[in-house]
């Protein structure tokens, strides 16, 4: 087992050339938590050179990691501090569009959703 509780991958040049996508995705996730050993960095980097699916996964994981880092910490008064993103006019247009999509007119009358 490695320090993060995952099964140990074989080191050396063979692991660089034969890393499976499942192991690569594990390494991609682990590297967000901290530095990887050299053999793991080389194996993941080599795999990412040849595997488009894992490159896409790495971009997605990095995006989520950065988005979570930018998100404000939850707190009891989070909603009170958050500025209104939509204007009152935009909210009214969205509500009207939702009512129209459900078959109701501007007054909410009309068909009700099943």
Protein backbone atom coordinates (compact mmCIF):
# COMPACT_ATOMS: atom_id res chain seq x y z
CA UNK A 1 0.00 0.00 0.00
CA UNK A 2 1.16 3.54 -0.69
CA UNK A 3 0.98 6.40 1.76
CA UNK A 4 -2.55 7.20 0.58
CA UNK A 5 -3.84 3.67 1.03
CA UNK A 6 -3.79 2.63 -2.62
CA UNK A 7 -2.12 -0.48 -3.90
CA UNK A 8 1.47 -0.03 -4.90
CA UNK A 9 2.27 0.17 -8.59
CA UNK A 10 5.42 -1.42 -9.96
CA UNK A 11 8.18 1.10 -10.29
CA UNK A 12 10.70 1.49 -13.05
CA UNK A 13 10.54 2.00 -16.77
CA UNK A 14 8.00 -0.80 -17.25
CA UNK A 15 5.38 1.07 -15.20
CA UNK A 16 5.93 4.16 -17.32
CA UNK A 17 5.21 2.22 -20.49
CA UNK A 18 2.36 0.02 -19.23
CA UNK A 19 0.34 2.21 -16.89
CA UNK A 20 -3.38 1.46 -17.19
CA UNK A 21 -5.97 4.26 -17.36
CA UNK A 22 -7.37 3.25 -13.95
CA UNK A 23 -3.94 3.67 -12.36
CA UNK A 24 -3.30 6.88 -14.28
CA UNK A 25 -6.56 8.41 -13.06
CA UNK A 26 -5.59 7.46 -9.51
CA UNK A 27 -2.25 9.25 -9.92
CA UNK A 28 -3.94 12.26 -11.49
CA UNK A 29 -6.19 12.57 -8.46
CA UNK A 30 -3.37 11.93 -5.98
CA UNK A 31 -1.18 14.67 -7.43
CA UNK A 32 -3.78 17.24 -6.39
CA UNK A 33 -3.16 16.23 -2.77
CA UNK A 34 0.60 16.58 -2.92
CA UNK A 35 3.74 15.72 -4.81
CA UNK A 36 4.11 12.22 -6.23
CA UNK A 37 7.25 10.11 -6.18
CA UNK A 38 9.38 10.49 -9.31
CA UNK A 39 8.43 7.10 -10.77
CA UNK A 40 4.72 7.90 -10.40
CA UNK A 41 5.17 11.35 -11.96
CA UNK A 42 7.00 9.84 -14.92
CA UNK A 43 4.44 7.06 -15.33
CA UNK A 44 1.51 9.49 -15.24
CA UNK A 45 3.24 11.98 -17.54
CA UNK A 46 4.10 9.28 -20.06
CA UNK A 47 0.56 7.96 -20.00
CA UNK A 48 -0.89 11.43 -20.50
CA UNK A 49 1.28 11.86 -23.60
CA UNK A 50 -0.47 8.96 -25.32
CA UNK A 51 -3.96 8.88 -23.80
CA UNK A 52 -6.45 11.57 -24.81
CA UNK A 53 -9.12 10.27 -22.41
CA UNK A 54 -6.83 10.63 -19.41
CA UNK A 55 -5.71 14.10 -20.55
CA UNK A 56 -9.38 15.10 -20.64
CA UNK A 57 -9.87 13.58 -17.17
CA UNK A 58 -6.84 15.50 -15.88
CA UNK A 59 -8.25 18.78 -17.24
CA UNK A 60 -11.65 18.08 -15.65
CA UNK A 61 -10.15 17.19 -12.28
CA UNK A 62 -7.93 20.29 -12.34
CA UNK A 63 -10.95 22.47 -13.25
CA UNK A 64 -13.01 21.04 -10.37
CA UNK A 65 -10.11 21.42 -7.95
CA UNK A 66 -9.62 25.08 -8.92
CA UNK A 67 -13.38 25.78 -8.82
CA UNK A 68 -13.65 24.32 -5.32
CA UNK A 69 -10.66 26.38 -4.20
CA UNK A 70 -12.39 29.58 -5.40
CA UNK A 71 -15.70 28.73 -3.72
CA UNK A 72 -16.27 30.65 -0.48
CA UNK A 73 -16.32 28.62 2.68
CA UNK A 74 -19.85 27.78 3.84
CA UNK A 75 -21.15 29.78 6.72
CA UNK A 76 -24.44 30.69 8.38
CA UNK A 77 -24.56 34.11 6.75
CA UNK A 78 -23.24 33.12 3.30
CA UNK A 79 -26.51 34.00 1.57
CA UNK A 80 -26.67 37.37 3.31
CA UNK A 81 -23.20 38.29 2.04
CA UNK A 82 -23.66 37.02 -1.52
CA UNK A 83 -24.51 39.80 -3.94
CA UNK A 84 -27.52 39.41 -6.21
CA UNK A 85 -26.21 38.02 -9.45
CA UNK A 86 -29.40 38.54 -11.44
CA UNK A 87 -31.32 41.76 -11.68
CA UNK A 88 -35.00 41.81 -10.73
CA UNK A 89 -35.87 42.19 -14.43
CA UNK A 90 -33.83 39.10 -15.35
CA UNK A 91 -35.49 37.09 -12.56
CA UNK A 92 -38.94 38.14 -13.81
CA UNK A 93 -38.09 37.11 -17.39
CA UNK A 94 -36.86 33.70 -16.19
CA UNK A 95 -39.99 33.13 -14.10
CA UNK A 96 -42.19 34.10 -17.06
CA UNK A 97 -40.30 31.71 -19.33
CA UNK A 98 -40.68 28.89 -16.79
CA UNK A 99 -44.41 29.53 -16.49
CA UNK A 100 -44.77 29.57 -20.28
CA UNK A 101 -42.80 26.33 -20.57
CA UNK A 102 -45.17 24.67 -18.08
CA UNK A 103 -48.16 25.73 -20.14
CA UNK A 104 -49.23 28.59 -17.92
CA UNK A 105 -49.59 32.16 -19.05
CA UNK A 106 -48.16 35.23 -17.38
CA UNK A 107 -50.74 34.88 -14.60
CA UNK A 108 -49.82 31.26 -13.97
CA UNK A 109 -53.13 29.97 -15.32
CA UNK A 110 -53.24 27.16 -17.82
CA UNK A 111 -52.11 23.60 -17.96
CA UNK A 112 -50.40 22.16 -14.96
CA UNK A 113 -47.43 19.87 -15.31
CA UNK A 114 -48.23 16.13 -15.06
